[in-house]
């Protein structure tokens, strides 16, 4: 049956229309209005039927009236049209009162109903939404239609009218603030701002997928997540070992949401720990001390991070290897690093000259000014090389030196003659003639020389050592280093005993006095203050000719003339000389004097 059946009106006995001849049977929804006496229920009377039809339709279809009054639904948009223009009747019982575009409800432009369909709603069949359980508005209760054919009105635009509110009303009713219709789990970033919530998303949290925090279970969100502490979402990867002052702290004490690494734990915060960071320790990276646990350590002890949060730090050796090998193992402190070093810097050592005085070798004089490495370091200029690092450690420093005696470092030009057990041993060895301020010049003075078997008196006191000890001239000892490996070319300084004058002085008398009992010993006539005059010679006692009387006033050269000897040097003739008077006075005798 097609739309457009005509309705015929008749009059009876000049009276207004009181009955009609039906142009056709009513559609099934209106069948209860069949009968000529019920026409006025839809068409009205008094000649105003056309104007009254729409009003009478709305009287019956109260759900449509309710929607139009609230400016809702499709009928609000066509409120100016008569109902019969779209819904004609009298087409028969099976006549369809609704004319769908193309005869298919799916082709209906839903935007004309006041709600455009988009996203996931475009994929849903009409009947899947327009069904009894979703008809929750007052329009549904006002509708007279019941049973399996409920019609189309009664739906609400609130999401929760069709969809379950998994938030249980905690987030309000405007689902579109967070969601889009394309996908329920896709967040509407154009309208939802997490930073306006109680928990703004900062740093790496802004990159986390929503469902990582807002977990769903069986299609429902478990709850609004707790976020008072980091551990509300994150596991304690340190298994309770991250504490400050003995108190367990939250992740935020050492980490920020901008990135889990590096830790935000500062040097200042570390001062609250049992081990304060000072000196060079302030520059050390965290993971240099807080290392990964060794394989086999239970996760319950170090957590999933596997980081040792409480490394042993009671002594330097807990972190630092003994770079000196086992050289100091016998010390009372077992070679504690703090005895010679501080956390301000490994070098230089804090071991002082005063501290060195407690050892077998006091540092005095020039030794006190020498750098430690000159004796203990790997590059000992002029000294023998140290043992390999397997013995002295990675620092390559020899601390327990056996070199105590002078000859252990310095060449002995005397070949051990003055050392203990030497042919001319001295109680102090080298220090009998030298001190630690300088090896040259010798400290052996006039007083010390008296202990050598030759007392320095008179002019000898002012004579330089080299004047008697000519080995100084040829040994090179005055110009070269005295260290063992730098002393090559230094000759031997034997300092043989020279007690006779002739050992140093050449006699100007030739062999004139060889016949004397003392064989012409210099000191028989001469003193040590000066060679001339011969202060010890007494002409009356020491010669066969006495000079008493007038002879005392005679100059020596009158009796002892000089002549030129070998090499052009003058030689005074002391013997033989005449001892008879006439040998000198013969002329005077002949003259009668």
Protein backbone atom coordinates (compact mmCIF):
# COMPACT_ATOMS: atom_id res chain seq x y z
CA UNK A 1 0.00 0.00 0.00
CA UNK A 2 1.34 3.39 -1.00
CA UNK A 3 0.95 6.74 0.75
CA UNK A 4 -1.62 9.23 -0.64
CA UNK A 5 -5.00 7.59 -0.02
CA UNK A 6 -7.75 10.20 -0.01
CA UNK A 7 -10.13 10.85 2.86
CA UNK A 8 -13.72 11.74 1.94
CA UNK A 9 -15.94 13.96 4.04
CA UNK A 10 -19.78 14.01 3.90
CA UNK A 11 -22.48 16.01 5.54
CA UNK A 12 -25.72 14.64 6.88
CA UNK A 13 -28.99 16.69 7.08
CA UNK A 14 -27.06 19.97 6.89
CA UNK A 15 -25.25 19.17 10.06
CA UNK A 16 -21.45 19.43 10.59
CA UNK A 17 -19.36 16.41 9.86
CA UNK A 18 -20.21 13.84 12.43
CA UNK A 19 -19.20 10.77 10.57
CA UNK A 20 -16.86 9.84 7.78
CA UNK A 21 -16.53 7.17 5.24
CA UNK A 22 -13.05 5.80 5.88
CA UNK A 23 -10.79 5.99 2.84
CA UNK A 24 -9.08 2.87 4.00
CA UNK A 25 -8.10 0.76 6.97
CA UNK A 26 -5.76 2.24 9.55
CA UNK A 27 -2.26 0.95 10.07
CA UNK A 28 -1.82 -1.59 12.80
CA UNK A 29 -0.48 0.94 15.40
CA UNK A 30 -3.75 2.93 14.96
CA UNK A 31 -6.15 0.02 14.67
CA UNK A 32 -7.68 0.80 18.03
CA UNK A 33 -8.99 4.01 16.41
CA UNK A 34 -10.93 2.18 13.69
CA UNK A 35 -14.59 3.19 13.26
CA UNK A 36 -16.32 6.14 11.73
CA UNK A 37 -17.20 7.60 15.10
CA UNK A 38 -13.54 7.92 16.16
CA UNK A 39 -12.32 10.00 13.22
CA UNK A 40 -12.52 13.20 15.24
CA UNK A 41 -9.91 11.80 17.71
CA UNK A 42 -7.29 12.41 15.03
CA UNK A 43 -8.98 14.81 12.59
CA UNK A 44 -10.93 16.97 15.01
CA UNK A 45 -14.15 18.67 14.04
CA UNK A 46 -15.79 21.98 13.31
CA UNK A 47 -14.08 22.38 9.93
CA UNK A 48 -10.62 22.73 11.45
CA UNK A 49 -9.45 19.21 10.97
CA UNK A 50 -6.30 20.06 9.07
CA UNK A 51 -5.11 22.49 11.76
CA UNK A 52 -6.02 20.15 14.58
CA UNK A 53 -4.35 16.96 13.29
CA UNK A 54 -0.82 17.84 14.46
CA UNK A 55 -1.99 19.00 17.87
CA UNK A 56 -4.09 15.88 18.29
CA UNK A 57 -1.11 13.71 17.24
CA UNK A 58 1.02 15.31 19.97
CA UNK A 59 -1.79 14.80 22.49
CA UNK A 60 -1.51 11.11 21.84
CA UNK A 61 2.20 10.91 21.15
CA UNK A 62 3.25 12.64 24.37
CA UNK A 63 6.87 11.45 24.03
CA UNK A 64 7.18 13.48 20.79
CA UNK A 65 5.62 16.51 22.43
CA UNK A 66 8.00 16.18 25.37
CA UNK A 67 11.00 16.12 23.04
CA UNK A 68 9.81 19.04 20.91
CA UNK A 69 9.16 21.13 24.00
CA UNK A 70 12.78 20.52 25.02
CA UNK A 71 14.04 21.21 21.53
CA UNK A 72 15.31 17.69 21.18
CA UNK A 73 15.08 14.92 18.62
CA UNK A 74 14.22 14.77 14.96
CA UNK A 75 10.67 16.16 15.35
CA UNK A 76 11.92 19.41 16.80
CA UNK A 77 13.58 20.10 13.46
CA UNK A 78 10.34 19.49 11.53
CA UNK A 79 7.96 20.97 14.08
CA UNK A 80 6.52 23.37 11.45
CA UNK A 81 5.26 20.51 9.31
CA UNK A 82 1.99 18.62 9.79
CA UNK A 83 2.49 15.08 11.05
CA UNK A 84 0.44 13.71 8.13
CA UNK A 85 2.97 15.07 5.65
CA UNK A 86 5.35 12.30 6.74
CA UNK A 87 2.99 9.86 8.45
CA UNK A 88 -0.22 9.43 6.35
CA UNK A 89 -2.53 6.62 7.34
CA UNK A 90 -5.54 4.67 5.97
CA UNK A 91 -3.18 2.67 3.87
CA UNK A 92 -4.12 -0.59 5.37
CA UNK A 93 -3.18 -2.63 8.40
CA UNK A 94 0.27 -3.42 7.10
CA UNK A 95 0.94 0.11 5.99
CA UNK A 96 4.30 1.47 7.31
CA UNK A 97 3.77 4.83 8.93
CA UNK A 98 7.47 5.72 8.70
CA UNK A 99 9.07 6.34 5.35
CA UNK A 100 12.86 5.70 5.63
CA UNK A 101 15.28 7.05 3.01
CA UNK A 102 15.78 4.25 0.53
CA UNK A 103 13.53 2.12 2.70
CA UNK A 104 16.41 1.38 5.18
CA UNK A 105 16.73 2.89 8.71
CA UNK A 106 20.55 2.56 8.44
CA UNK A 107 20.46 5.30 5.76
CA UNK A 108 18.78 7.75 8.08
CA UNK A 109 20.80 10.94 8.64
CA UNK A 110 21.17 10.74 12.40
CA UNK A 111 22.38 14.33 12.57
CA UNK A 112 18.80 15.44 11.92
CA UNK A 113 17.90 13.82 15.23
CA UNK A 114 20.25 16.25 16.97
CA UNK A 115 23.07 13.76 17.46
CA UNK A 116 25.51 13.11 14.59
CA UNK A 117 26.99 9.64 14.66
CA UNK A 118 30.79 9.41 14.48
CA UNK A 119 33.59 7.12 15.45
CA UNK A 120 32.58 3.73 16.70
CA UNK A 121 28.90 4.68 16.61
CA UNK A 122 28.96 4.58 12.82
CA UNK A 123 29.59 0.85 12.92
CA UNK A 124 26.68 0.04 15.25
CA UNK A 125 23.32 -1.10 13.88
CA UNK A 126 20.29 1.01 14.74
CA UNK A 127 18.59 -1.82 16.59
CA UNK A 128 21.66 -2.34 18.80
CA UNK A 129 21.14 1.08 20.34
CA UNK A 130 17.39 1.61 19.97
CA UNK A 131 16.30 -1.19 22.24
CA UNK A 132 14.27 -1.25 25.43
CA UNK A 133 17.12 -1.38 27.96
CA UNK A 134 18.61 1.85 26.64
CA UNK A 135 15.28 3.79 26.63
CA UNK A 136 15.82 5.58 29.92
CA UNK A 137 14.52 9.11 29.30
CA UNK A 138 11.04 10.40 30.20
CA UNK A 139 10.13 10.19 26.55
CA UNK A 140 10.12 6.42 26.87
CA UNK A 141 7.77 6.44 29.84
CA UNK A 142 5.40 8.85 28.08
CA UNK A 143 5.17 6.65 25.02
CA UNK A 144 2.12 4.46 24.75
CA UNK A 145 4.04 1.91 22.76
CA UNK A 146 5.05 -1.26 24.59
CA UNK A 147 6.13 -4.74 23.75
CA UNK A 148 8.80 -5.82 21.30
CA UNK A 149 8.18 -2.87 19.02
CA UNK A 150 9.22 0.02 21.22
CA UNK A 151 9.95 2.61 18.59
CA UNK A 152 12.96 4.90 18.42
CA UNK A 153 12.61 7.53 21.13
CA UNK A 154 13.71 7.31 24.73
CA UNK A 155 17.50 7.29 24.32
CA UNK A 156 19.70 9.82 26.12
CA UNK A 157 22.93 11.35 24.90
CA UNK A 158 24.69 10.60 28.17
CA UNK A 159 27.30 7.91 27.56
CA UNK A 160 26.35 6.13 30.75
CA UNK A 161 22.78 5.70 29.49
CA UNK A 162 24.15 3.03 27.13
CA UNK A 163 27.65 2.32 28.42
CA UNK A 164 28.65 1.17 31.84
CA UNK A 165 30.43 3.85 33.89
CA UNK A 166 33.53 1.95 34.93
CA UNK A 167 34.56 4.93 37.02
CA UNK A 168 31.49 4.55 39.19
CA UNK A 169 30.68 8.24 38.90
CA UNK A 170 33.97 9.38 40.42
CA UNK A 171 34.94 11.35 37.30
CA UNK A 172 31.59 12.95 36.54
CA UNK A 173 29.25 12.25 33.61
CA UNK A 174 31.08 14.01 30.74
CA UNK A 175 32.88 11.02 29.28
CA UNK A 176 34.00 13.04 26.24
CA UNK A 177 36.39 14.97 28.45
CA UNK A 178 38.64 11.94 28.39
CA UNK A 179 37.38 9.65 25.65
CA UNK A 180 36.56 9.77 21.96
CA UNK A 181 33.92 7.76 20.14
CA UNK A 182 36.40 6.10 17.84
CA UNK A 183 37.92 3.97 20.60
CA UNK A 184 37.02 3.87 24.23
CA UNK A 185 40.62 3.45 25.35
CA UNK A 186 41.89 6.31 23.21
CA UNK A 187 42.16 9.45 25.33
CA UNK A 188 40.75 12.67 23.99
CA UNK A 189 43.92 14.73 24.24
CA UNK A 190 42.22 17.83 22.86
CA UNK A 191 39.98 18.14 25.89
CA UNK A 192 41.59 16.06 28.66
CA UNK A 193 44.47 17.68 30.56
CA UNK A 194 45.99 15.39 33.16
CA UNK A 195 47.90 18.32 34.61
CA UNK A 196 44.61 19.70 35.90
CA UNK A 197 44.06 16.59 37.97
CA UNK A 198 45.44 15.91 41.42
CA UNK A 199 48.38 14.17 39.82
CA UNK A 200 49.97 16.21 37.01
CA UNK A 201 52.08 14.16 34.62
CA UNK A 202 55.69 15.31 34.56
CA UNK A 203 58.81 13.97 32.88
CA UNK A 204 58.68 10.34 31.83
CA UNK A 205 55.21 9.94 33.30
CA UNK A 206 53.89 11.99 30.39
CA UNK A 207 55.08 9.24 28.02
CA UNK A 208 53.41 6.34 29.83
CA UNK A 209 50.37 4.74 28.23
CA UNK A 210 47.19 5.35 30.21
CA UNK A 211 46.45 1.68 30.80
CA UNK A 212 49.85 1.23 32.44
CA UNK A 213 48.51 3.15 35.42
CA UNK A 214 44.77 2.92 34.89
CA UNK A 215 44.56 -0.85 34.67
CA UNK A 216 41.50 -2.60 33.31
CA UNK A 217 40.25 -5.93 34.53
CA UNK A 218 37.61 -7.87 32.60
CA UNK A 219 36.85 -4.70 30.62
CA UNK A 220 36.47 -2.57 33.74
CA UNK A 221 38.88 -0.16 35.34
CA UNK A 222 40.08 -1.55 38.65
CA UNK A 223 40.08 1.82 40.42
CA UNK A 224 41.66 5.25 40.38
CA UNK A 225 45.25 4.49 41.07
CA UNK A 226 46.96 5.39 44.27
CA UNK A 227 49.86 7.81 43.83
CA UNK A 228 50.86 9.15 47.24
CA UNK A 229 54.14 7.24 47.03
CA UNK A 230 56.20 6.02 44.11
CA UNK A 231 55.92 2.50 45.46
CA UNK A 232 52.16 2.70 44.93
CA UNK A 233 52.98 2.05 41.27
CA UNK A 234 56.65 1.09 41.19
CA UNK A 235 58.25 -1.83 42.92
CA UNK A 236 61.06 -1.09 45.35
CA UNK A 237 63.93 -2.12 43.11
CA UNK A 238 66.29 -1.87 46.07
CA UNK A 239 64.43 -4.36 48.25
CA UNK A 240 64.31 -2.01 51.25
CA UNK A 241 68.05 -1.26 51.23
CA UNK A 242 67.55 2.38 50.20
CA UNK A 243 67.46 4.17 53.53
CA UNK A 244 68.53 7.53 54.91
CA UNK A 245 69.54 7.84 58.53
CA UNK A 246 68.23 4.31 58.99
CA UNK A 247 64.79 5.19 57.63
CA UNK A 248 63.34 3.71 54.45
CA UNK A 249 62.75 6.46 51.90
CA UNK A 250 60.55 6.70 48.83
CA UNK A 251 61.95 6.69 45.29
CA UNK A 252 61.53 10.46 45.07
CA UNK A 253 64.37 10.94 47.53
CA UNK A 254 66.87 9.86 44.87
CA UNK A 255 65.03 9.94 41.55
CA UNK A 256 62.93 12.32 39.48
CA UNK A 257 60.14 11.68 37.01
CA UNK A 258 62.26 13.25 34.26
CA UNK A 259 64.32 10.06 34.17
CA UNK A 260 65.21 7.23 36.49
CA UNK A 261 68.89 7.80 35.76
CA UNK A 262 71.05 9.47 36.83
CA UNK A 263 70.08 9.56 40.45
CA UNK A 264 69.17 12.96 41.86
CA UNK A 265 70.86 12.07 45.14
CA UNK A 266 73.35 14.84 45.89
CA UNK A 267 76.63 15.09 47.74
CA UNK A 268 74.87 17.25 50.32
CA UNK A 269 72.33 14.49 50.90
CA UNK A 270 75.12 11.95 51.16
CA UNK A 271 76.40 13.84 54.19
CA UNK A 272 73.33 12.56 56.03
CA UNK A 273 74.46 9.00 55.38
CA UNK A 274 76.91 7.07 57.52
CA UNK A 275 79.66 7.79 55.01
CA UNK A 276 80.15 11.47 54.22
CA UNK A 277 81.53 12.35 50.81
CA UNK A 278 84.52 14.65 51.10
CA UNK A 279 87.49 15.66 48.97
CA UNK A 280 87.95 13.69 45.79
CA UNK A 281 85.11 11.37 46.80
CA UNK A 282 82.73 14.20 45.90
CA UNK A 283 83.74 13.80 42.24
CA UNK A 284 83.34 10.03 42.05
CA UNK A 285 80.39 8.69 40.05
CA UNK A 286 77.76 6.87 42.08
CA UNK A 287 78.15 3.58 40.20
CA UNK A 288 81.86 3.50 40.99
CA UNK A 289 80.96 2.64 44.60
CA UNK A 290 77.39 1.43 44.30
CA UNK A 291 78.23 -1.37 41.92
CA UNK A 292 76.10 -4.16 40.55
CA UNK A 293 75.90 -7.14 42.86
CA UNK A 294 77.95 -10.18 41.98
CA UNK A 295 76.20 -13.11 40.31
CA UNK A 296 74.47 -15.33 42.79
CA UNK A 297 73.41 -12.63 45.25
CA UNK A 298 69.67 -13.12 45.94
CA UNK A 299 67.30 -10.49 44.57
CA UNK A 300 65.81 -10.21 48.05
CA UNK A 301 69.08 -8.63 49.20
CA UNK A 302 69.71 -6.12 46.43
CA UNK A 303 66.37 -5.83 44.63
CA UNK A 304 65.69 -5.93 40.91
CA UNK A 305 68.11 -3.03 40.38
CA UNK A 306 70.89 -5.29 41.57
CA UNK A 307 72.76 -2.30 43.02
CA UNK A 308 74.65 -2.56 46.29
CA UNK A 309 73.27 0.38 48.27
CA UNK A 310 75.30 -0.29 51.40
CA UNK A 311 78.85 -1.00 50.22
CA UNK A 312 81.40 -1.68 52.93
CA UNK A 313 83.16 1.59 53.74
CA UNK A 314 84.72 1.22 57.18
CA UNK A 315 88.24 1.44 55.77
CA UNK A 316 89.90 2.58 52.54
CA UNK A 317 90.76 -1.00 51.67
CA UNK A 318 87.05 -1.80 51.31
CA UNK A 319 87.06 0.12 48.02
CA UNK A 320 90.70 0.69 47.16
CA UNK A 321 93.25 -2.01 46.42
CA UNK A 322 96.53 -2.04 48.32
CA UNK A 323 98.65 -0.32 45.71
CA UNK A 324 101.74 -0.94 47.81
CA UNK A 325 101.49 -4.70 47.76
CA UNK A 326 102.07 -6.21 51.18
CA UNK A 327 104.93 -3.91 52.11
CA UNK A 328 103.15 -2.43 55.12
CA UNK A 329 101.34 -5.51 56.34
CA UNK A 330 103.47 -5.70 59.49
CA UNK A 331 102.64 -2.21 60.64
CA UNK A 332 100.26 -1.92 63.60
CA UNK A 333 97.69 -0.25 61.30
CA UNK A 334 98.35 -2.87 58.60
CA UNK A 335 99.23 -0.09 56.19
CA UNK A 336 96.07 2.00 56.54
CA UNK A 337 95.86 4.47 53.64
CA UNK A 338 94.91 7.32 55.98
CA UNK A 339 98.35 7.17 57.58
CA UNK A 340 99.84 8.78 54.46
CA UNK A 341 96.91 10.01 52.34
CA UNK A 342 93.70 12.04 52.62
CA UNK A 343 90.49 12.11 50.61
CA UNK A 344 91.49 15.52 49.26
CA UNK A 345 93.94 13.85 46.92
CA UNK A 346 96.00 10.71 46.68
CA UNK A 347 99.06 12.81 45.89
CA UNK A 348 101.15 14.18 47.46
CA UNK A 349 101.49 11.95 50.45
CA UNK A 350 100.89 13.52 53.84
CA UNK A 351 103.85 11.62 55.24
CA UNK A 352 106.10 14.33 56.64
CA UNK A 353 109.77 14.68 57.51
CA UNK A 354 108.77 14.64 61.16
CA UNK A 355 106.93 11.35 60.66
CA UNK A 356 109.94 9.93 58.82
CA UNK A 357 112.02 10.64 61.92
CA UNK A 358 110.24 7.77 63.64
CA UNK A 359 111.75 5.35 61.12
CA UNK A 360 115.27 3.94 60.90
CA UNK A 361 116.46 6.86 58.79
CA UNK A 362 115.86 10.41 59.93
CA UNK A 363 115.56 12.93 57.14
CA UNK A 364 117.98 15.71 57.94
CA UNK A 365 119.92 18.25 55.99
CA UNK A 366 119.72 17.78 52.24
CA UNK A 367 117.74 14.57 52.69
CA UNK A 368 114.89 16.62 54.10
CA UNK A 369 114.66 18.62 50.87
CA UNK A 370 114.72 15.64 48.49
CA UNK A 371 111.40 14.56 46.96
CA UNK A 372 110.06 11.24 48.19
CA UNK A 373 110.19 9.76 44.70
CA UNK A 374 113.94 10.37 44.49
CA UNK A 375 114.37 7.42 46.84
CA UNK A 376 111.01 5.61 46.77
CA UNK A 377 109.77 6.24 43.23
CA UNK A 378 110.18 4.15 40.06
CA UNK A 379 112.53 6.64 38.38
CA UNK A 380 115.30 6.91 40.93
CA UNK A 381 117.91 8.91 39.05
CA UNK A 382 121.36 7.66 39.92
CA UNK A 383 120.05 4.76 42.01
CA UNK A 384 119.37 1.07 41.25
CA UNK A 385 115.90 0.25 39.84
CA UNK A 386 113.14 -0.96 42.16
CA UNK A 387 111.68 -4.49 42.03
CA UNK A 388 108.74 -5.17 39.70
CA UNK A 389 105.16 -4.24 40.60
CA UNK A 390 104.36 -7.77 41.74
CA UNK A 391 106.49 -7.03 44.77
CA UNK A 392 105.93 -3.34 45.42
CA UNK A 393 102.39 -2.95 44.11
CA UNK A 394 100.65 -0.98 41.37
CA UNK A 395 101.81 2.38 42.77
CA UNK A 396 105.38 1.38 41.87
CA UNK A 397 106.70 2.83 45.11
CA UNK A 398 109.17 1.04 47.35
CA UNK A 399 108.37 2.00 50.93
CA UNK A 400 110.41 -0.51 52.92
CA UNK A 401 113.86 0.44 51.67
CA UNK A 402 116.85 -1.42 53.05
CA UNK A 403 119.12 1.42 52.00
CA UNK A 404 120.09 2.93 55.33
CA UNK A 405 123.87 3.23 55.09
CA UNK A 406 125.38 6.05 53.05
CA UNK A 407 127.17 3.61 50.76
CA UNK A 408 123.82 2.06 49.80
CA UNK A 409 123.02 5.18 47.74
CA UNK A 410 126.30 7.06 47.47
CA UNK A 411 129.58 5.88 45.98
CA UNK A 412 132.34 5.34 48.56
CA UNK A 413 135.51 6.83 47.04
CA UNK A 414 137.41 5.42 50.00
CA UNK A 415 136.59 1.82 49.05
CA UNK A 416 135.39 0.97 52.53
CA UNK A 417 138.58 1.89 54.32
CA UNK A 418 136.71 4.07 56.84
CA UNK A 419 133.59 1.92 57.11
CA UNK A 420 133.05 -0.64 59.84
CA UNK A 421 135.58 -3.41 59.30
CA UNK A 422 137.75 -1.22 57.06
CA UNK A 423 141.49 -0.76 57.49
CA UNK A 424 140.93 2.68 58.99
CA UNK A 425 137.43 2.20 60.35
CA UNK A 426 135.64 5.14 61.96
CA UNK A 427 132.88 4.81 64.50
CA UNK A 428 130.46 6.97 62.50
CA UNK A 429 131.61 5.84 59.11
CA UNK A 430 130.94 8.53 56.49
CA UNK A 431 129.51 10.87 59.10
CA UNK A 432 132.91 11.06 60.77
CA UNK A 433 134.00 13.41 57.99
CA UNK A 434 130.76 14.37 56.22
CA UNK A 435 127.27 15.56 57.16
CA UNK A 436 123.86 15.25 55.51
CA UNK A 437 123.71 18.89 54.49
CA UNK A 438 126.30 18.35 51.75
CA UNK A 439 128.84 15.73 50.90
CA UNK A 440 131.39 18.36 50.01
CA UNK A 441 133.26 19.94 51.58
CA UNK A 442 134.27 17.51 54.28
CA UNK A 443 133.48 18.36 57.88
CA UNK A 444 136.85 17.00 58.96
CA UNK A 445 138.44 20.03 60.61
CA UNK A 446 141.79 20.62 62.32
CA UNK A 447 140.58 19.00 65.53
CA UNK A 448 139.28 15.93 63.68
CA UNK A 449 142.57 15.66 61.79
CA UNK A 450 144.36 15.15 65.09
CA UNK A 451 142.54 11.81 65.41
CA UNK A 452 143.93 10.70 62.07
CA UNK A 453 147.50 10.40 63.42
CA UNK A 454 148.68 13.71 62.04
CA UNK A 455 148.07 16.87 64.05
CA UNK A 456 147.67 20.00 61.96
CA UNK A 457 149.74 22.77 63.50
CA UNK A 458 151.27 26.00 62.38
CA UNK A 459 151.16 26.62 58.67
CA UNK A 460 149.56 23.23 58.17
CA UNK A 461 146.36 24.55 59.71
CA UNK A 462 145.90 26.97 56.81
CA UNK A 463 146.73 24.49 54.08
CA UNK A 464 143.82 23.30 51.91
CA UNK A 465 143.14 19.57 51.93
CA UNK A 466 144.02 19.32 48.24
CA UNK A 467 147.41 20.78 49.10
CA UNK A 468 148.32 17.53 50.81
CA UNK A 469 145.82 15.06 49.34
CA UNK A 470 146.59 15.30 45.65
CA UNK A 471 144.07 12.52 44.81
CA UNK A 472 141.42 15.22 44.90
CA UNK A 473 142.94 16.63 41.74
CA UNK A 474 142.64 13.44 39.76
CA UNK A 475 139.55 11.77 41.24
CA UNK A 476 136.91 14.20 39.90
CA UNK A 477 134.98 13.81 43.14
CA UNK A 478 134.48 17.51 43.53
CA UNK A 479 132.50 17.80 40.28
CA UNK A 480 130.45 14.61 39.93
CA UNK A 481 127.30 13.30 41.61
CA UNK A 482 127.97 10.99 44.48
CA UNK A 483 124.98 8.71 43.69
CA UNK A 484 125.91 5.16 42.80
CA UNK A 485 124.90 5.09 39.14
CA UNK A 486 125.98 8.67 38.44
CA UNK A 487 129.40 8.47 40.05
CA UNK A 488 131.29 6.72 37.24
CA UNK A 489 134.78 8.12 36.74
CA UNK A 490 135.34 9.09 40.37
CA UNK A 491 138.81 7.96 41.38
CA UNK A 492 139.77 6.43 44.66
CA UNK A 493 140.44 8.69 47.59
CA UNK A 494 142.71 6.58 49.74
CA UNK A 495 144.11 9.31 52.02
CA UNK A 496 147.22 7.31 52.85
CA UNK A 497 149.05 8.43 55.99
CA UNK A 498 151.80 10.98 55.20
CA UNK A 499 153.63 11.79 58.37
CA UNK A 500 157.13 12.56 57.05
CA UNK A 501 157.90 16.06 55.82
CA UNK A 502 159.67 14.65 52.81
CA UNK A 503 156.38 12.97 51.79
CA UNK A 504 155.00 16.39 50.97
CA UNK A 505 157.99 18.76 50.93
CA UNK A 506 161.07 18.50 48.72
CA UNK A 507 164.28 19.14 50.67
CA UNK A 508 166.36 22.10 49.47
CA UNK A 509 169.42 20.65 51.16
CA UNK A 510 170.03 17.77 48.86
CA UNK A 511 171.94 14.98 50.62
CA UNK A 512 173.95 17.26 52.91
CA UNK A 513 172.45 15.83 56.10
CA UNK A 514 172.27 12.13 55.18
CA UNK A 515 175.17 11.44 57.55
CA UNK A 516 173.29 12.78 60.53
CA UNK A 517 171.74 10.35 62.93
CA UNK A 518 168.28 11.65 62.08
CA UNK A 519 169.22 11.54 58.39
CA UNK A 520 168.31 15.16 58.06
CA UNK A 521 164.75 15.13 59.40
CA UNK A 522 163.13 18.45 58.64
CA UNK A 523 161.52 18.80 62.06
CA UNK A 524 164.97 18.58 63.65
CA UNK A 525 165.60 22.12 62.50
CA UNK A 526 162.32 23.54 61.31
CA UNK A 527 159.00 24.20 62.98
CA UNK A 528 155.54 24.01 61.39
CA UNK A 529 154.84 27.72 61.58
CA UNK A 530 157.32 28.59 58.82
CA UNK A 531 160.20 26.92 57.01
CA UNK A 532 162.53 29.85 57.54
CA UNK A 533 164.11 30.61 59.80
CA UNK A 534 164.91 27.15 61.13
CA UNK A 535 163.29 27.76 64.50
CA UNK A 536 164.45 24.53 66.08
CA UNK A 537 168.10 24.67 64.99
CA UNK A 538 170.62 25.63 67.71
CA UNK A 539 174.09 26.15 66.15
CA UNK A 540 175.82 25.57 69.46
CA UNK A 541 173.95 22.34 70.32
CA UNK A 542 173.09 20.87 66.94
CA UNK A 543 176.30 21.65 65.01
CA UNK A 544 179.97 20.84 65.55
CA UNK A 545 180.80 24.56 65.44
CA UNK A 546 179.63 26.85 68.18
CA UNK A 547 178.61 30.37 67.17
CA UNK A 548 179.05 31.87 70.57
CA UNK A 549 180.81 35.15 70.89
CA UNK A 550 181.35 37.33 67.87
CA UNK A 551 180.12 34.60 65.56
CA UNK A 552 176.60 35.18 66.80
CA UNK A 553 176.52 38.44 64.85
CA UNK A 554 177.81 37.00 61.62
CA UNK A 555 175.12 36.49 58.90
CA UNK A 556 174.57 32.87 57.98
CA UNK A 557 175.41 33.39 54.32
CA UNK A 558 178.91 34.54 55.28
CA UNK A 559 179.66 30.96 56.20
CA UNK A 560 177.01 29.14 54.19
CA UNK A 561 177.10 30.48 50.68
CA UNK A 562 174.42 29.74 48.08
CA UNK A 563 174.87 28.24 44.67
CA UNK A 564 172.62 27.28 41.79
CA UNK A 565 171.59 23.69 41.96
CA UNK A 566 169.71 21.33 39.65
CA UNK A 567 166.78 22.91 37.95
CA UNK A 568 168.15 26.38 38.62
CA UNK A 569 167.06 26.43 42.24
CA UNK A 570 169.40 27.97 44.81
CA UNK A 571 171.10 25.57 47.19
CA UNK A 572 172.59 26.67 50.50
CA UNK A 573 175.68 24.81 51.44
CA UNK A 574 175.56 23.76 55.07
CA UNK A 575 178.09 21.04 54.97
CA UNK A 576 180.85 20.48 54.60
CA UNK A 577 182.09 23.94 55.54
CA UNK A 578 185.46 24.87 57.15
CA UNK A 579 185.50 24.85 60.89
CA UNK A 580 189.07 26.13 61.41
CA UNK A 581 189.61 29.80 62.05
CA UNK A 582 192.18 30.29 59.33
CA UNK A 583 189.73 29.02 56.78
CA UNK A 584 187.80 32.22 57.25
CA UNK A 585 190.29 34.49 59.04
CA UNK A 586 193.62 33.76 57.24
CA UNK A 587 193.96 37.18 55.69
CA UNK A 588 193.30 38.89 58.95
CA UNK A 589 195.94 36.79 60.62
CA UNK A 590 198.54 37.70 57.99
CA UNK A 591 197.71 41.30 58.46
CA UNK A 592 198.19 41.00 62.17
CA UNK A 593 194.66 41.46 63.09
